[in-house]
């Protein structure tokens, strides 16, 4: 039974995991995020008191 012979399939498994763990993450991490977070100046909000009608 050829599917029980691990010689070609183990090498394919190892090389595919090497590709997944080395090449693909570096390509993904090289992308630039379009919306970089910017620092927002902190403003003090004016809190008006609410006069209750009763």
PDB file of N, CA and C in Angstrom:
ATOM      1  N   UNK A   1       0.846  -1.182   0.000  1.00  0.00           N
ATOM      2  CA  UNK A   1       0.000   0.000   0.000  1.00  0.00           C
ATOM      3  C   UNK A   1       0.891   1.245   0.000  1.00  0.00           C
ATOM      4  N   UNK A   2       0.802   2.065  -1.001  1.00  0.00           N
ATOM      5  CA  UNK A   2       1.711   3.207  -1.107  1.00  0.00           C
ATOM      6  C   UNK A   2       1.414   4.308  -0.080  1.00  0.00           C
ATOM      7  N   UNK A   3       0.180   4.393   0.419  1.00  0.00           N
ATOM      8  CA  UNK A   3      -0.111   5.460   1.368  1.00  0.00           C
ATOM      9  C   UNK A   3       0.513   5.202   2.734  1.00  0.00           C
ATOM     10  N   UNK A   4       0.981   4.000   3.007  1.00  0.00           N
ATOM     11  CA  UNK A   4       1.630   3.700   4.270  1.00  0.00           C
ATOM     12  C   UNK A   4       3.128   3.979   4.243  1.00  0.00           C
ATOM     13  N   UNK A   5       3.668   4.262   3.090  1.00  0.00           N
ATOM     14  CA  UNK A   5       5.084   4.575   2.958  1.00  0.00           C
ATOM     15  C   UNK A   5       5.289   6.051   3.353  1.00  0.00           C
ATOM     16  N   UNK A   6       5.956   6.351   4.473  1.00  0.00           N
ATOM     17  CA  UNK A   6       6.056   7.744   4.924  1.00  0.00           C
ATOM     18  C   UNK A   6       7.143   8.561   4.242  1.00  0.00           C
ATOM     19  N   UNK A   7       7.922   7.956   3.388  1.00  0.00           N
ATOM     20  CA  UNK A   7       9.068   8.680   2.822  1.00  0.00           C
ATOM     21  C   UNK A   7       8.670   9.935   2.050  1.00  0.00           C
ATOM     22  N   UNK A   8       7.848   9.891   1.027  1.00  0.00           N
ATOM     23  CA  UNK A   8       7.572  11.156   0.314  1.00  0.00           C
ATOM     24  C   UNK A   8       6.635  12.065   1.102  1.00  0.00           C
ATOM     25  N   UNK A   9       5.699  11.502   1.861  1.00  0.00           N
ATOM     26  CA  UNK A   9       4.690  12.327   2.531  1.00  0.00           C
ATOM     27  C   UNK A   9       5.267  13.056   3.736  1.00  0.00           C
ATOM     28  N   UNK A  10       6.195  12.457   4.413  1.00  0.00           N
ATOM     29  CA  UNK A  10       6.804  13.141   5.552  1.00  0.00           C
ATOM     30  C   UNK A  10       7.633  14.340   5.089  1.00  0.00           C
ATOM     31  N   UNK A  11       8.343  14.179   3.975  1.00  0.00           N
ATOM     32  CA  UNK A  11       9.129  15.298   3.444  1.00  0.00           C
ATOM     33  C   UNK A  11       8.208  16.429   2.984  1.00  0.00           C
ATOM     34  N   UNK A  12       7.087  16.098   2.356  1.00  0.00           N
ATOM     35  CA  UNK A  12       6.129  17.118   1.935  1.00  0.00           C
ATOM     36  C   UNK A  12       5.552  17.831   3.148  1.00  0.00           C
ATOM     37  N   UNK A  13       5.251  17.080   4.203  1.00  0.00           N
ATOM     38  CA  UNK A  13       4.729  17.684   5.425  1.00  0.00           C
ATOM     39  C   UNK A  13       5.741  18.635   6.050  1.00  0.00           C
ATOM     40  N   UNK A  14       6.977  18.217   6.134  1.00  0.00           N
ATOM     41  CA  UNK A  14       8.009  19.048   6.761  1.00  0.00           C
ATOM     42  C   UNK A  14       8.253  20.311   5.945  1.00  0.00           C
ATOM     43  N   UNK A  15       8.367  20.183   4.639  1.00  0.00           N
ATOM     44  CA  UNK A  15       8.631  21.364   3.811  1.00  0.00           C
ATOM     45  C   UNK A  15       7.442  22.322   3.792  1.00  0.00           C
ATOM     46  N   UNK A  16       6.237  21.797   3.817  1.00  0.00           N
ATOM     47  CA  UNK A  16       5.078  22.691   3.842  1.00  0.00           C
ATOM     48  C   UNK A  16       5.009  23.448   5.165  1.00  0.00           C
ATOM     49  N   UNK A  17       5.346  22.790   6.291  1.00  0.00           N
ATOM     50  CA  UNK A  17       5.347  23.498   7.562  1.00  0.00           C
ATOM     51  C   UNK A  17       6.483  24.506   7.644  1.00  0.00           C
ATOM     52  N   UNK A  18       7.594  24.215   7.017  1.00  0.00           N
ATOM     53  CA  UNK A  18       8.680  25.206   6.970  1.00  0.00           C
ATOM     54  C   UNK A  18       8.223  26.443   6.213  1.00  0.00           C
ATOM     55  N   UNK A  19       7.513  26.241   5.113  1.00  0.00           N
ATOM     56  CA  UNK A  19       6.993  27.377   4.353  1.00  0.00           C
ATOM     57  C   UNK A  19       5.961  28.138   5.175  1.00  0.00           C
ATOM     58  N   UNK A  20       5.058  27.412   5.826  1.00  0.00           N
ATOM     59  CA  UNK A  20       4.024  28.077   6.614  1.00  0.00           C
ATOM     60  C   UNK A  20       4.604  28.875   7.780  1.00  0.00           C
ATOM     61  N   UNK A  21       5.665  28.385   8.377  1.00  0.00           N
ATOM     62  CA  UNK A  21       6.192  29.034   9.563  1.00  0.00           C
ATOM     63  C   UNK A  21       7.263  30.080   9.280  1.00  0.00           C
ATOM     64  N   UNK A  22       7.821  30.117   8.087  1.00  0.00           N
ATOM     65  CA  UNK A  22       8.879  31.097   7.816  1.00  0.00           C
ATOM     66  C   UNK A  22       8.488  32.125   6.764  1.00  0.00           C
ATOM     67  N   UNK A  23       8.016  31.694   5.636  1.00  0.00           N
ATOM     68  CA  UNK A  23       7.799  32.630   4.523  1.00  0.00           C
ATOM     69  C   UNK A  23       6.476  33.370   4.663  1.00  0.00           C
ATOM     70  N   UNK A  24       5.408  32.670   4.940  1.00  0.00           N
ATOM     71  CA  UNK A  24       4.090  33.294   4.948  1.00  0.00           C
ATOM     72  C   UNK A  24       3.927  34.317   6.078  1.00  0.00           C
ATOM     73  N   UNK A  25       4.361  34.056   7.323  1.00  0.00           N
ATOM     74  CA  UNK A  25       4.215  35.110   8.349  1.00  0.00           C
ATOM     75  C   UNK A  25       5.001  36.377   8.042  1.00  0.00           C
ATOM     76  N   UNK A  26       6.163  36.256   7.426  1.00  0.00           N
ATOM     77  CA  UNK A  26       6.913  37.470   7.093  1.00  0.00           C
ATOM     78  C   UNK A  26       6.198  38.273   6.018  1.00  0.00           C
ATOM     79  N   UNK A  27       5.549  37.597   5.079  1.00  0.00           N
ATOM     80  CA  UNK A  27       4.800  38.326   4.058  1.00  0.00           C
ATOM     81  C   UNK A  27       3.575  39.004   4.660  1.00  0.00           C
ATOM     82  N   UNK A  28       2.930  38.345   5.599  1.00  0.00           N
ATOM     83  CA  UNK A  28       1.751  38.934   6.219  1.00  0.00           C
ATOM     84  C   UNK A  28       2.136  40.115   7.101  1.00  0.00           C
ATOM     85  N   UNK A  29       3.225  39.995   7.841  1.00  0.00           N
ATOM     86  CA  UNK A  29       3.618  41.057   8.764  1.00  0.00           C
ATOM     87  C   UNK A  29       4.192  42.282   8.049  1.00  0.00           C
ATOM     88  N   UNK A  30       4.530  42.170   6.778  1.00  0.00           N
ATOM     89  CA  UNK A  30       5.072  43.306   6.038  1.00  0.00           C
ATOM     90  C   UNK A  30       3.995  44.269   5.551  1.00  0.00           C
ATOM     91  N   UNK A  31       2.735  43.877   5.650  1.00  0.00           N
ATOM     92  CA  UNK A  31       1.672  44.769   5.217  1.00  0.00           C
ATOM     93  C   UNK A  31       1.530  45.922   6.205  1.00  0.00           C
ATOM     94  N   UNK A  32       1.202  47.081   5.659  1.00  0.00           N
ATOM     95  CA  UNK A  32       1.039  48.275   6.482  1.00  0.00           C
ATOM     96  C   UNK A  32      -0.443  48.429   6.780  1.00  0.00           C
ATOM     97  N   UNK A  33      -0.755  48.720   8.028  1.00  0.00           N
ATOM     98  CA  UNK A  33      -2.149  48.939   8.384  1.00  0.00           C
ATOM     99  C   UNK A  33      -2.572  50.305   7.854  1.00  0.00           C
ATOM    100  N   UNK A  34      -3.708  50.385   7.181  1.00  0.00           N
ATOM    101  CA  UNK A  34      -4.112  51.671   6.601  1.00  0.00           C
ATOM    102  C   UNK A  34      -4.545  52.691   7.647  1.00  0.00           C
ATOM    103  N   UNK A  35      -5.019  52.249   8.787  1.00  0.00           N
ATOM    104  CA  UNK A  35      -5.503  53.179   9.805  1.00  0.00           C
ATOM    105  C   UNK A  35      -4.626  53.069  11.045  1.00  0.00           C
ATOM    106  N   UNK A  36      -3.506  53.758  11.000  1.00  0.00           N
ATOM    107  CA  UNK A  36      -2.637  53.767  12.161  1.00  0.00           C
ATOM    108  C   UNK A  36      -3.278  54.624  13.249  1.00  0.00           C
ATOM    109  N   UNK A  37      -3.217  54.179  14.468  1.00  0.00           N
ATOM    110  CA  UNK A  37      -3.832  54.980  15.531  1.00  0.00           C
ATOM    111  C   UNK A  37      -3.058  56.278  15.758  1.00  0.00           C
ATOM    112  N   UNK A  38      -3.788  57.357  15.826  1.00  0.00           N
ATOM    113  CA  UNK A  38      -3.172  58.666  16.043  1.00  0.00           C
ATOM    114  C   UNK A  38      -3.504  59.124  17.449  1.00  0.00           C
ATOM    115  N   UNK A  39      -2.613  59.911  18.001  1.00  0.00           N
ATOM    116  CA  UNK A  39      -2.850  60.437  19.335  1.00  0.00           C
ATOM    117  C   UNK A  39      -3.903  61.546  19.263  1.00  0.00           C
ATOM    118  N   UNK A  40      -4.885  61.449  20.126  1.00  0.00           N
ATOM    119  CA  UNK A  40      -5.939  62.452  20.164  1.00  0.00           C
ATOM    120  C   UNK A  40      -5.693  63.327  21.383  1.00  0.00           C
ATOM    121  N   UNK A  41      -5.779  64.634  21.173  1.00  0.00           N
ATOM    122  CA  UNK A  41      -5.572  65.531  22.299  1.00  0.00           C
ATOM    123  C   UNK A  41      -6.758  65.416  23.237  1.00  0.00           C
ATOM    124  N   UNK A  42      -6.459  65.397  24.492  1.00  0.00           N
ATOM    125  CA  UNK A  42      -7.530  65.233  25.480  1.00  0.00           C
ATOM    126  C   UNK A  42      -8.159  66.585  25.774  1.00  0.00           C
ATOM    127  N   UNK A  43      -9.460  66.687  25.556  1.00  0.00           N
ATOM    128  CA  UNK A  43     -10.202  67.898  25.866  1.00  0.00           C
ATOM    129  C   UNK A  43     -11.074  67.623  27.081  1.00  0.00           C
ATOM    130  N   UNK A  44     -11.235  68.645  27.877  1.00  0.00           N
ATOM    131  CA  UNK A  44     -12.154  68.497  28.997  1.00  0.00           C
ATOM    132  C   UNK A  44     -13.554  68.815  28.498  1.00  0.00           C
ATOM    133  N   UNK A  45     -14.431  67.873  28.672  1.00  0.00           N
ATOM    134  CA  UNK A  45     -15.795  68.086  28.225  1.00  0.00           C
ATOM    135  C   UNK A  45     -16.538  68.916  29.266  1.00  0.00           C
ATOM    136  N   UNK A  46     -17.366  69.782  28.744  1.00  0.00           N
ATOM    137  CA  UNK A  46     -18.123  70.654  29.618  1.00  0.00           C
ATOM    138  C   UNK A  46     -19.379  69.908  30.065  1.00  0.00           C
ATOM    139  N   UNK A  47     -19.449  69.613  31.336  1.00  0.00           N
ATOM    140  CA  UNK A  47     -20.608  68.909  31.862  1.00  0.00           C
ATOM    141  C   UNK A  47     -21.592  69.918  32.435  1.00  0.00           C
ATOM    142  N   UNK A  48     -22.707  70.055  31.760  1.00  0.00           N
ATOM    143  CA  UNK A  48     -23.744  70.964  32.250  1.00  0.00           C
ATOM    144  C   UNK A  48     -24.660  70.207  33.187  1.00  0.00           C
ATOM    145  N   UNK A  49     -25.005  70.855  34.271  1.00  0.00           N
ATOM    146  CA  UNK A  49     -25.932  70.205  35.183  1.00  0.00           C
ATOM    147  C   UNK A  49     -27.332  70.275  34.601  1.00  0.00           C
ATOM    148  N   UNK A  50     -28.109  69.289  34.897  1.00  0.00           N
ATOM    149  CA  UNK A  50     -29.440  69.200  34.342  1.00  0.00           C
ATOM    150  C   UNK A  50     -30.430  69.598  35.421  1.00  0.00           C
ATOM    151  N   UNK A  51     -31.186  70.615  35.109  1.00  0.00           N
ATOM    152  CA  UNK A  51     -32.179  71.053  36.085  1.00  0.00           C
ATOM    153  C   UNK A  51     -33.439  70.238  35.878  1.00  0.00           C
ATOM    154  N   UNK A  52     -33.829  69.537  36.912  1.00  0.00           N
ATOM    155  CA  UNK A  52     -34.999  68.685  36.815  1.00  0.00           C
ATOM    156  C   UNK A  52     -36.276  69.532  36.944  1.00  0.00           C
ATOM    157  N   UNK A  53     -37.320  69.166  36.204  1.00  0.00           N
ATOM    158  CA  UNK A  53     -38.524  70.000  36.227  1.00  0.00           C
ATOM    159  C   UNK A  53     -39.373  69.834  37.494  1.00  0.00           C
ATOM    160  N   UNK A  54     -39.070  68.948  38.404  1.00  0.00           N
ATOM    161  CA  UNK A  54     -39.920  68.801  39.602  1.00  0.00           C
ATOM    162  C   UNK A  54     -39.229  69.276  40.841  1.00  0.00           C
TER     163      UNK A  54
END
